[in-house]
mmCIF file of all heavy atoms, coordinates in Angstrom:
data_MODEL
# 
_entry.id   MODEL 
# 
loop_
_atom_site.group_PDB 
_atom_site.id 
_atom_site.type_symbol 
_atom_site.label_atom_id 
_atom_site.label_alt_id 
_atom_site.label_comp_id 
_atom_site.label_asym_id 
_atom_site.label_entity_id 
_atom_site.label_seq_id 
_atom_site.pdbx_PDB_ins_code 
_atom_site.Cartn_x 
_atom_site.Cartn_y 
_atom_site.Cartn_z 
_atom_site.occupancy 
_atom_site.B_iso_or_equiv 
_atom_site.pdbx_formal_charge 
_atom_site.auth_seq_id 
_atom_site.auth_comp_id 
_atom_site.auth_asym_id 
_atom_site.auth_atom_id 
_atom_site.pdbx_PDB_model_num 
ATOM 1   N N   . TYR A 1 1  ? 13.270 11.239  -6.154  1.00 0.00 ? 1  TYR A N   1 
ATOM 2   C CA  . TYR A 1 1  ? 11.896 10.803  -5.915  1.00 0.00 ? 1  TYR A CA  1 
ATOM 3   C C   . TYR A 1 1  ? 10.954 11.811  -6.559  1.00 0.00 ? 1  TYR A C   1 
ATOM 4   O O   . TYR A 1 1  ? 11.127 13.014  -6.400  1.00 0.00 ? 1  TYR A O   1 
ATOM 5   C CB  . TYR A 1 1  ? 11.589 10.744  -4.411  1.00 0.00 ? 1  TYR A CB  1 
ATOM 6   C CG  . TYR A 1 1  ? 12.465 9.779   -3.655  1.00 0.00 ? 1  TYR A CG  1 
ATOM 7   C CD1 . TYR A 1 1  ? 13.593 10.220  -2.966  1.00 0.00 ? 1  TYR A CD1 1 
ATOM 8   C CD2 . TYR A 1 1  ? 12.152 8.434   -3.609  1.00 0.00 ? 1  TYR A CD2 1 
ATOM 9   C CE1 . TYR A 1 1  ? 14.387 9.333   -2.256  1.00 0.00 ? 1  TYR A CE1 1 
ATOM 10  C CE2 . TYR A 1 1  ? 12.937 7.537   -2.896  1.00 0.00 ? 1  TYR A CE2 1 
ATOM 11  C CZ  . TYR A 1 1  ? 14.056 7.996   -2.222  1.00 0.00 ? 1  TYR A CZ  1 
ATOM 12  O OH  . TYR A 1 1  ? 14.839 7.119   -1.515  1.00 0.00 ? 1  TYR A OH  1 
ATOM 13  N N   . CYS A 1 2  ? 9.959  11.305  -7.272  1.00 0.00 ? 2  CYS A N   1 
ATOM 14  C CA  . CYS A 1 2  ? 8.984  12.168  -7.944  1.00 0.00 ? 2  CYS A CA  1 
ATOM 15  C C   . CYS A 1 2  ? 7.590  11.859  -7.439  1.00 0.00 ? 2  CYS A C   1 
ATOM 16  O O   . CYS A 1 2  ? 7.200  10.689  -7.360  1.00 0.00 ? 2  CYS A O   1 
ATOM 17  C CB  . CYS A 1 2  ? 9.031  11.946  -9.446  1.00 0.00 ? 2  CYS A CB  1 
ATOM 18  S SG  . CYS A 1 2  ? 10.657 12.214  -10.145 1.00 0.00 ? 2  CYS A SG  1 
ATOM 19  N N   . SER A 1 3  ? 6.858  12.894  -7.110  1.00 0.00 ? 3  SER A N   1 
ATOM 20  C CA  . SER A 1 3  ? 5.478  12.712  -6.680  1.00 0.00 ? 3  SER A CA  1 
ATOM 21  C C   . SER A 1 3  ? 4.654  12.148  -7.826  1.00 0.00 ? 3  SER A C   1 
ATOM 22  O O   . SER A 1 3  ? 4.882  12.468  -8.985  1.00 0.00 ? 3  SER A O   1 
ATOM 23  C CB  . SER A 1 3  ? 4.871  14.044  -6.237  1.00 0.00 ? 3  SER A CB  1 
ATOM 24  O OG  . SER A 1 3  ? 5.497  14.492  -5.066  1.00 0.00 ? 3  SER A OG  1 
ATOM 25  N N   . GLY A 1 4  ? 3.692  11.329  -7.459  1.00 0.00 ? 4  GLY A N   1 
ATOM 26  C CA  . GLY A 1 4  ? 2.817  10.736  -8.466  1.00 0.00 ? 4  GLY A CA  1 
ATOM 27  C C   . GLY A 1 4  ? 1.498  11.459  -8.546  1.00 0.00 ? 4  GLY A C   1 
ATOM 28  O O   . GLY A 1 4  ? 1.327  12.560  -8.031  1.00 0.00 ? 4  GLY A O   1 
ATOM 29  N N   . THR A 1 5  ? 0.551  10.785  -9.178  1.00 0.00 ? 5  THR A N   1 
ATOM 30  C CA  . THR A 1 5  ? -0.758 11.392  -9.372  1.00 0.00 ? 5  THR A CA  1 
ATOM 31  C C   . THR A 1 5  ? -1.830 10.712  -8.535  1.00 0.00 ? 5  THR A C   1 
ATOM 32  O O   . THR A 1 5  ? -2.960 11.171  -8.495  1.00 0.00 ? 5  THR A O   1 
ATOM 33  C CB  . THR A 1 5  ? -1.180 11.311  -10.847 1.00 0.00 ? 5  THR A CB  1 
ATOM 34  O OG1 . THR A 1 5  ? -1.182 9.933   -11.253 1.00 0.00 ? 5  THR A OG1 1 
ATOM 35  C CG2 . THR A 1 5  ? -0.228 12.098  -11.724 1.00 0.00 ? 5  THR A CG2 1 
ATOM 36  N N   . GLY A 1 6  ? -1.487 9.604   -7.886  1.00 0.00 ? 6  GLY A N   1 
ATOM 37  C CA  . GLY A 1 6  ? -2.472 8.863   -7.112  1.00 0.00 ? 6  GLY A CA  1 
ATOM 38  C C   . GLY A 1 6  ? -2.773 9.511   -5.774  1.00 0.00 ? 6  GLY A C   1 
ATOM 39  O O   . GLY A 1 6  ? -2.082 10.429  -5.327  1.00 0.00 ? 6  GLY A O   1 
ATOM 40  N N   . ASP A 1 7  ? -3.818 9.007   -5.123  1.00 0.00 ? 7  ASP A N   1 
ATOM 41  C CA  . ASP A 1 7  ? -4.202 9.482   -3.803  1.00 0.00 ? 7  ASP A CA  1 
ATOM 42  C C   . ASP A 1 7  ? -3.306 8.824   -2.753  1.00 0.00 ? 7  ASP A C   1 
ATOM 43  O O   . ASP A 1 7  ? -3.265 7.591   -2.644  1.00 0.00 ? 7  ASP A O   1 
ATOM 44  C CB  . ASP A 1 7  ? -5.674 9.146   -3.545  1.00 0.00 ? 7  ASP A CB  1 
ATOM 45  C CG  . ASP A 1 7  ? -6.131 9.667   -2.206  1.00 0.00 ? 7  ASP A CG  1 
ATOM 46  O OD1 . ASP A 1 7  ? -6.594 10.811  -2.144  1.00 0.00 ? 7  ASP A OD1 1 
ATOM 47  O OD2 . ASP A 1 7  ? -6.015 8.906   -1.211  1.00 0.00 ? 7  ASP A OD2 1 
ATOM 48  N N   . LEU A 1 8  ? -2.592 9.625   -1.987  1.00 0.00 ? 8  LEU A N   1 
ATOM 49  C CA  . LEU A 1 8  ? -1.631 9.108   -1.023  1.00 0.00 ? 8  LEU A CA  1 
ATOM 50  C C   . LEU A 1 8  ? -2.288 8.209   0.014   1.00 0.00 ? 8  LEU A C   1 
ATOM 51  O O   . LEU A 1 8  ? -1.784 7.125   0.318   1.00 0.00 ? 8  LEU A O   1 
ATOM 52  C CB  . LEU A 1 8  ? -0.903 10.272  -0.333  1.00 0.00 ? 8  LEU A CB  1 
ATOM 53  C CG  . LEU A 1 8  ? 0.142  9.880   0.700   1.00 0.00 ? 8  LEU A CG  1 
ATOM 54  C CD1 . LEU A 1 8  ? 1.248  9.035   0.079   1.00 0.00 ? 8  LEU A CD1 1 
ATOM 55  C CD2 . LEU A 1 8  ? 0.726  11.118  1.350   1.00 0.00 ? 8  LEU A CD2 1 
ATOM 56  N N   . GLN A 1 9  ? -3.414 8.626   0.554   1.00 0.00 ? 9  GLN A N   1 
ATOM 57  C CA  . GLN A 1 9  ? -4.078 7.840   1.592   1.00 0.00 ? 9  GLN A CA  1 
ATOM 58  C C   . GLN A 1 9  ? -4.553 6.491   1.042   1.00 0.00 ? 9  GLN A C   1 
ATOM 59  O O   . GLN A 1 9  ? -4.334 5.455   1.663   1.00 0.00 ? 9  GLN A O   1 
ATOM 60  C CB  . GLN A 1 9  ? -5.250 8.612   2.188   1.00 0.00 ? 9  GLN A CB  1 
ATOM 61  C CG  . GLN A 1 9  ? -5.878 7.909   3.373   1.00 0.00 ? 9  GLN A CG  1 
ATOM 62  C CD  . GLN A 1 9  ? -6.928 8.766   4.067   1.00 0.00 ? 9  GLN A CD  1 
ATOM 63  O OE1 . GLN A 1 9  ? -7.173 9.890   3.674   1.00 0.00 ? 9  GLN A OE1 1 
ATOM 64  N NE2 . GLN A 1 9  ? -7.521 8.226   5.103   1.00 0.00 ? 9  GLN A NE2 1 
ATOM 65  N N   . GLU A 1 10 ? -5.176 6.495   -0.116  1.00 0.00 ? 10 GLU A N   1 
ATOM 66  C CA  . GLU A 1 10 ? -5.649 5.241   -0.706  1.00 0.00 ? 10 GLU A CA  1 
ATOM 67  C C   . GLU A 1 10 ? -4.496 4.313   -1.047  1.00 0.00 ? 10 GLU A C   1 
ATOM 68  O O   . GLU A 1 10 ? -4.551 3.106   -0.780  1.00 0.00 ? 10 GLU A O   1 
ATOM 69  C CB  . GLU A 1 10 ? -6.451 5.528   -1.979  1.00 0.00 ? 10 GLU A CB  1 
ATOM 70  C CG  . GLU A 1 10 ? -7.816 6.118   -1.731  1.00 0.00 ? 10 GLU A CG  1 
ATOM 71  C CD  . GLU A 1 10 ? -8.533 6.427   -3.034  1.00 0.00 ? 10 GLU A CD  1 
ATOM 72  O OE1 . GLU A 1 10 ? -8.202 5.813   -4.076  1.00 0.00 ? 10 GLU A OE1 1 
ATOM 73  O OE2 . GLU A 1 10 ? -9.431 7.283   -3.007  1.00 0.00 ? 10 GLU A OE2 1 
ATOM 74  N N   . ASN A 1 11 ? -3.438 4.848   -1.643  1.00 0.00 ? 11 ASN A N   1 
ATOM 75  C CA  . ASN A 1 11 ? -2.299 4.019   -2.020  1.00 0.00 ? 11 ASN A CA  1 
ATOM 76  C C   . ASN A 1 11 ? -1.575 3.453   -0.803  1.00 0.00 ? 11 ASN A C   1 
ATOM 77  O O   . ASN A 1 11 ? -1.129 2.307   -0.820  1.00 0.00 ? 11 ASN A O   1 
ATOM 78  C CB  . ASN A 1 11 ? -1.335 4.809   -2.896  1.00 0.00 ? 11 ASN A CB  1 
ATOM 79  C CG  . ASN A 1 11 ? -1.913 5.114   -4.257  1.00 0.00 ? 11 ASN A CG  1 
ATOM 80  O OD1 . ASN A 1 11 ? -2.878 4.495   -4.689  1.00 0.00 ? 11 ASN A OD1 1 
ATOM 81  N ND2 . ASN A 1 11 ? -1.333 6.079   -4.948  1.00 0.00 ? 11 ASN A ND2 1 
ATOM 82  N N   . THR A 1 12 ? -1.456 4.245   0.250   1.00 0.00 ? 12 THR A N   1 
ATOM 83  C CA  . THR A 1 12 ? -0.819 3.763   1.472   1.00 0.00 ? 12 THR A CA  1 
ATOM 84  C C   . THR A 1 12 ? -1.654 2.660   2.111   1.00 0.00 ? 12 THR A C   1 
ATOM 85  O O   . THR A 1 12 ? -1.123 1.637   2.544   1.00 0.00 ? 12 THR A O   1 
ATOM 86  C CB  . THR A 1 12 ? -0.600 4.922   2.468   1.00 0.00 ? 12 THR A CB  1 
ATOM 87  O OG1 . THR A 1 12 ? 0.201  5.923   1.830   1.00 0.00 ? 12 THR A OG1 1 
ATOM 88  C CG2 . THR A 1 12 ? 0.094  4.445   3.722   1.00 0.00 ? 12 THR A CG2 1 
ATOM 89  N N   . ALA A 1 13 ? -2.970 2.842   2.157   1.00 0.00 ? 13 ALA A N   1 
ATOM 90  C CA  . ALA A 1 13 ? -3.851 1.819   2.722   1.00 0.00 ? 13 ALA A CA  1 
ATOM 91  C C   . ALA A 1 13 ? -3.753 0.524   1.924   1.00 0.00 ? 13 ALA A C   1 
ATOM 92  O O   . ALA A 1 13 ? -3.697 -0.568  2.503   1.00 0.00 ? 13 ALA A O   1 
ATOM 93  C CB  . ALA A 1 13 ? -5.294 2.333   2.753   1.00 0.00 ? 13 ALA A CB  1 
ATOM 94  N N   . ALA A 1 14 ? -3.710 0.617   0.597   1.00 0.00 ? 14 ALA A N   1 
ATOM 95  C CA  . ALA A 1 14 ? -3.587 -0.572  -0.245  1.00 0.00 ? 14 ALA A CA  1 
ATOM 96  C C   . ALA A 1 14 ? -2.264 -1.283  0.015   1.00 0.00 ? 14 ALA A C   1 
ATOM 97  O O   . ALA A 1 14 ? -2.205 -2.517  0.084   1.00 0.00 ? 14 ALA A O   1 
ATOM 98  C CB  . ALA A 1 14 ? -3.718 -0.195  -1.712  1.00 0.00 ? 14 ALA A CB  1 
ATOM 99  N N   . LEU A 1 15 ? -1.206 -0.522  0.174   1.00 0.00 ? 15 LEU A N   1 
ATOM 100 C CA  . LEU A 1 15 ? 0.104  -1.107  0.463   1.00 0.00 ? 15 LEU A CA  1 
ATOM 101 C C   . LEU A 1 15 ? 0.102  -1.828  1.808   1.00 0.00 ? 15 LEU A C   1 
ATOM 102 O O   . LEU A 1 15 ? 0.621  -2.943  1.939   1.00 0.00 ? 15 LEU A O   1 
ATOM 103 C CB  . LEU A 1 15 ? 1.169  -0.009  0.451   1.00 0.00 ? 15 LEU A CB  1 
ATOM 104 C CG  . LEU A 1 15 ? 2.602  -0.440  0.703   1.00 0.00 ? 15 LEU A CG  1 
ATOM 105 C CD1 . LEU A 1 15 ? 3.068  -1.418  -0.372  1.00 0.00 ? 15 LEU A CD1 1 
ATOM 106 C CD2 . LEU A 1 15 ? 3.516  0.772   0.744   1.00 0.00 ? 15 LEU A CD2 1 
ATOM 107 N N   . LEU A 1 16 ? -0.503 -1.209  2.812   1.00 0.00 ? 16 LEU A N   1 
ATOM 108 C CA  . LEU A 1 16 ? -0.576 -1.840  4.132   1.00 0.00 ? 16 LEU A CA  1 
ATOM 109 C C   . LEU A 1 16 ? -1.429 -3.108  4.090   1.00 0.00 ? 16 LEU A C   1 
ATOM 110 O O   . LEU A 1 16 ? -1.078 -4.114  4.720   1.00 0.00 ? 16 LEU A O   1 
ATOM 111 C CB  . LEU A 1 16 ? -1.129 -0.848  5.156   1.00 0.00 ? 16 LEU A CB  1 
ATOM 112 C CG  . LEU A 1 16 ? -0.202 0.322   5.487   1.00 0.00 ? 16 LEU A CG  1 
ATOM 113 C CD1 . LEU A 1 16 ? -0.935 1.342   6.350   1.00 0.00 ? 16 LEU A CD1 1 
ATOM 114 C CD2 . LEU A 1 16 ? 1.052  -0.166  6.172   1.00 0.00 ? 16 LEU A CD2 1 
ATOM 115 N N   . ARG A 1 17 ? -2.548 -3.088  3.364   1.00 0.00 ? 17 ARG A N   1 
ATOM 116 C CA  . ARG A 1 17 ? -3.382 -4.289  3.232   1.00 0.00 ? 17 ARG A CA  1 
ATOM 117 C C   . ARG A 1 17 ? -2.600 -5.416  2.566   1.00 0.00 ? 17 ARG A C   1 
ATOM 118 O O   . ARG A 1 17 ? -2.647 -6.567  2.989   1.00 0.00 ? 17 ARG A O   1 
ATOM 119 C CB  . ARG A 1 17 ? -4.648 -3.981  2.428   1.00 0.00 ? 17 ARG A CB  1 
ATOM 120 C CG  . ARG A 1 17 ? -5.727 -3.266  3.221   1.00 0.00 ? 17 ARG A CG  1 
ATOM 121 C CD  . ARG A 1 17 ? -7.052 -3.229  2.467   1.00 0.00 ? 17 ARG A CD  1 
ATOM 122 N NE  . ARG A 1 17 ? -6.965 -2.553  1.176   1.00 0.00 ? 17 ARG A NE  1 
ATOM 123 C CZ  . ARG A 1 17 ? -7.127 -1.247  0.995   1.00 0.00 ? 17 ARG A CZ  1 
ATOM 124 N NH1 . ARG A 1 17 ? -7.388 -0.455  2.026   1.00 0.00 ? 17 ARG A NH1 1 
ATOM 125 N NH2 . ARG A 1 17 ? -7.027 -0.725  -0.203  1.00 0.00 ? 17 ARG A NH2 1 
ATOM 126 N N   . SER A 1 18 ? -1.868 -5.090  1.531   1.00 0.00 ? 18 SER A N   1 
ATOM 127 C CA  . SER A 1 18 ? -1.076 -6.088  0.819   1.00 0.00 ? 18 SER A CA  1 
ATOM 128 C C   . SER A 1 18 ? -0.014 -6.707  1.729   1.00 0.00 ? 18 SER A C   1 
ATOM 129 O O   . SER A 1 18 ? 0.175  -7.920  1.749   1.00 0.00 ? 18 SER A O   1 
ATOM 130 C CB  . SER A 1 18 ? -0.415 -5.446  -0.398  1.00 0.00 ? 18 SER A CB  1 
ATOM 131 O OG  . SER A 1 18 ? 0.459  -6.339  -1.028  1.00 0.00 ? 18 SER A OG  1 
ATOM 132 N N   . ALA A 1 19 ? 0.661  -5.863  2.490   1.00 0.00 ? 19 ALA A N   1 
ATOM 133 C CA  . ALA A 1 19 ? 1.689  -6.363  3.414   1.00 0.00 ? 19 ALA A CA  1 
ATOM 134 C C   . ALA A 1 19 ? 1.065  -7.253  4.481   1.00 0.00 ? 19 ALA A C   1 
ATOM 135 O O   . ALA A 1 19 ? 1.624  -8.298  4.844   1.00 0.00 ? 19 ALA A O   1 
ATOM 136 C CB  . ALA A 1 19 ? 2.430  -5.196  4.061   1.00 0.00 ? 19 ALA A CB  1 
ATOM 137 N N   . ARG A 1 20 ? -0.108 -6.872  4.975   1.00 0.00 ? 20 ARG A N   1 
ATOM 138 C CA  . ARG A 1 20 ? -0.795 -7.667  5.987   1.00 0.00 ? 20 ARG A CA  1 
ATOM 139 C C   . ARG A 1 20 ? -1.188 -9.035  5.416   1.00 0.00 ? 20 ARG A C   1 
ATOM 140 O O   . ARG A 1 20 ? -1.043 -10.057 6.070   1.00 0.00 ? 20 ARG A O   1 
ATOM 141 C CB  . ARG A 1 20 ? -2.021 -6.923  6.498   1.00 0.00 ? 20 ARG A CB  1 
ATOM 142 C CG  . ARG A 1 20 ? -2.659 -7.602  7.703   1.00 0.00 ? 20 ARG A CG  1 
ATOM 143 C CD  . ARG A 1 20 ? -3.782 -6.783  8.272   1.00 0.00 ? 20 ARG A CD  1 
ATOM 144 N NE  . ARG A 1 20 ? -3.219 -5.639  8.979   1.00 0.00 ? 20 ARG A NE  1 
ATOM 145 C CZ  . ARG A 1 20 ? -3.906 -4.595  9.390   1.00 0.00 ? 20 ARG A CZ  1 
ATOM 146 N NH1 . ARG A 1 20 ? -5.203 -4.523  9.142   1.00 0.00 ? 20 ARG A NH1 1 
ATOM 147 N NH2 . ARG A 1 20 ? -3.330 -3.611  10.024  1.00 0.00 ? 20 ARG A NH2 1 
ATOM 148 N N   . ARG A 1 21 ? -1.681 -9.057  4.153   1.00 0.00 ? 21 ARG A N   1 
ATOM 149 C CA  . ARG A 1 21 ? -2.041 -10.328 3.508   1.00 0.00 ? 21 ARG A CA  1 
ATOM 150 C C   . ARG A 1 21 ? -0.818 -11.224 3.356   1.00 0.00 ? 21 ARG A C   1 
ATOM 151 O O   . ARG A 1 21 ? -0.881 -12.429 3.593   1.00 0.00 ? 21 ARG A O   1 
ATOM 152 C CB  . ARG A 1 21 ? -2.665 -10.067 2.133   1.00 0.00 ? 21 ARG A CB  1 
ATOM 153 C CG  . ARG A 1 21 ? -4.162 -10.003 2.162   1.00 0.00 ? 21 ARG A CG  1 
ATOM 154 C CD  . ARG A 1 21 ? -4.741 -9.917  0.743   1.00 0.00 ? 21 ARG A CD  1 
ATOM 155 N NE  . ARG A 1 21 ? -5.367 -8.607  0.638   1.00 0.00 ? 21 ARG A NE  1 
ATOM 156 C CZ  . ARG A 1 21 ? -5.002 -7.610  -0.140  1.00 0.00 ? 21 ARG A CZ  1 
ATOM 157 N NH1 . ARG A 1 21 ? -4.025 -7.754  -0.979  1.00 0.00 ? 21 ARG A NH1 1 
ATOM 158 N NH2 . ARG A 1 21 ? -5.623 -6.455  -0.120  1.00 0.00 ? 21 ARG A NH2 1 
ATOM 159 N N   . GLU A 1 22 ? 0.297  -10.647 2.941   1.00 0.00 ? 22 GLU A N   1 
ATOM 160 C CA  . GLU A 1 22 ? 1.527  -11.425 2.781   1.00 0.00 ? 22 GLU A CA  1 
ATOM 161 C C   . GLU A 1 22 ? 1.974  -12.013 4.115   1.00 0.00 ? 22 GLU A C   1 
ATOM 162 O O   . GLU A 1 22 ? 2.395  -13.175 4.178   1.00 0.00 ? 22 GLU A O   1 
ATOM 163 C CB  . GLU A 1 22 ? 2.640  -10.559 2.191   1.00 0.00 ? 22 GLU A CB  1 
ATOM 164 C CG  . GLU A 1 22 ? 2.466  -10.274 0.729   1.00 0.00 ? 22 GLU A CG  1 
ATOM 165 C CD  . GLU A 1 22 ? 3.620  -9.471  0.159   1.00 0.00 ? 22 GLU A CD  1 
ATOM 166 O OE1 . GLU A 1 22 ? 4.756  -9.567  0.684   1.00 0.00 ? 22 GLU A OE1 1 
ATOM 167 O OE2 . GLU A 1 22 ? 3.397  -8.744  -0.823  1.00 0.00 ? 22 GLU A OE2 1 
ATOM 168 N N   . MET A 1 23 ? 1.881  -11.232 5.181   1.00 0.00 ? 23 MET A N   1 
ATOM 169 C CA  . MET A 1 23 ? 2.259  -11.744 6.513   1.00 0.00 ? 23 MET A CA  1 
ATOM 170 C C   . MET A 1 23 ? 1.329  -12.871 6.925   1.00 0.00 ? 23 MET A C   1 
ATOM 171 O O   . MET A 1 23 ? 1.785  -13.884 7.467   1.00 0.00 ? 23 MET A O   1 
ATOM 172 C CB  . MET A 1 23 ? 2.227  -10.612 7.535   1.00 0.00 ? 23 MET A CB  1 
ATOM 173 C CG  . MET A 1 23 ? 3.352  -9.619  7.368   1.00 0.00 ? 23 MET A CG  1 
ATOM 174 S SD  . MET A 1 23 ? 3.251  -8.202  8.490   1.00 0.00 ? 23 MET A SD  1 
ATOM 175 C CE  . MET A 1 23 ? 3.146  -8.986  10.062  1.00 0.00 ? 23 MET A CE  1 
ATOM 176 N N   . ALA A 1 24 ? 0.027  -12.732 6.667   1.00 0.00 ? 24 ALA A N   1 
ATOM 177 C CA  . ALA A 1 24 ? -0.929 -13.776 7.018   1.00 0.00 ? 24 ALA A CA  1 
ATOM 178 C C   . ALA A 1 24 ? -0.645 -15.041 6.209   1.00 0.00 ? 24 ALA A C   1 
ATOM 179 O O   . ALA A 1 24 ? -0.695 -16.151 6.753   1.00 0.00 ? 24 ALA A O   1 
ATOM 180 C CB  . ALA A 1 24 ? -2.351 -13.287 6.776   1.00 0.00 ? 24 ALA A CB  1 
ATOM 181 N N   . ASP A 1 25 ? -0.343 -14.908 4.928   1.00 0.00 ? 25 ASP A N   1 
ATOM 182 C CA  . ASP A 1 25 ? -0.033 -16.063 4.097   1.00 0.00 ? 25 ASP A CA  1 
ATOM 183 C C   . ASP A 1 25 ? 1.200  -16.789 4.605   1.00 0.00 ? 25 ASP A C   1 
ATOM 184 O O   . ASP A 1 25 ? 1.237  -18.028 4.631   1.00 0.00 ? 25 ASP A O   1 
ATOM 185 C CB  . ASP A 1 25 ? 0.175  -15.641 2.645   1.00 0.00 ? 25 ASP A CB  1 
ATOM 186 C CG  . ASP A 1 25 ? -1.114 -15.209 1.952   1.00 0.00 ? 25 ASP A CG  1 
ATOM 187 O OD1 . ASP A 1 25 ? -2.193 -15.491 2.496   1.00 0.00 ? 25 ASP A OD1 1 
ATOM 188 O OD2 . ASP A 1 25 ? -1.016 -14.585 0.876   1.00 0.00 ? 25 ASP A OD2 1 
ATOM 189 N N   . LYS A 1 26 ? 2.221  -16.068 5.010   1.00 0.00 ? 26 LYS A N   1 
ATOM 190 C CA  . LYS A 1 26 ? 3.424  -16.685 5.537   1.00 0.00 ? 26 LYS A CA  1 
ATOM 191 C C   . LYS A 1 26 ? 3.162  -17.407 6.846   1.00 0.00 ? 26 LYS A C   1 
ATOM 192 O O   . LYS A 1 26 ? 3.732  -18.453 7.132   1.00 0.00 ? 26 LYS A O   1 
ATOM 193 C CB  . LYS A 1 26 ? 4.529  -15.632 5.726   1.00 0.00 ? 26 LYS A CB  1 
ATOM 194 C CG  . LYS A 1 26 ? 5.118  -15.166 4.417   1.00 0.00 ? 26 LYS A CG  1 
ATOM 195 C CD  . LYS A 1 26 ? 6.198  -14.138 4.621   1.00 0.00 ? 26 LYS A CD  1 
ATOM 196 C CE  . LYS A 1 26 ? 6.723  -13.645 3.298   1.00 0.00 ? 26 LYS A CE  1 
ATOM 197 N NZ  . LYS A 1 26 ? 7.758  -12.644 3.464   1.00 0.00 ? 26 LYS A NZ  1 
# 
């Protein structure tokens, strides 16, 4: 695993939002 250059908090929040949208769509 290699650390990236993005902001961890922002990327995690975006991932959680995406997962929530997918659950709502289902």
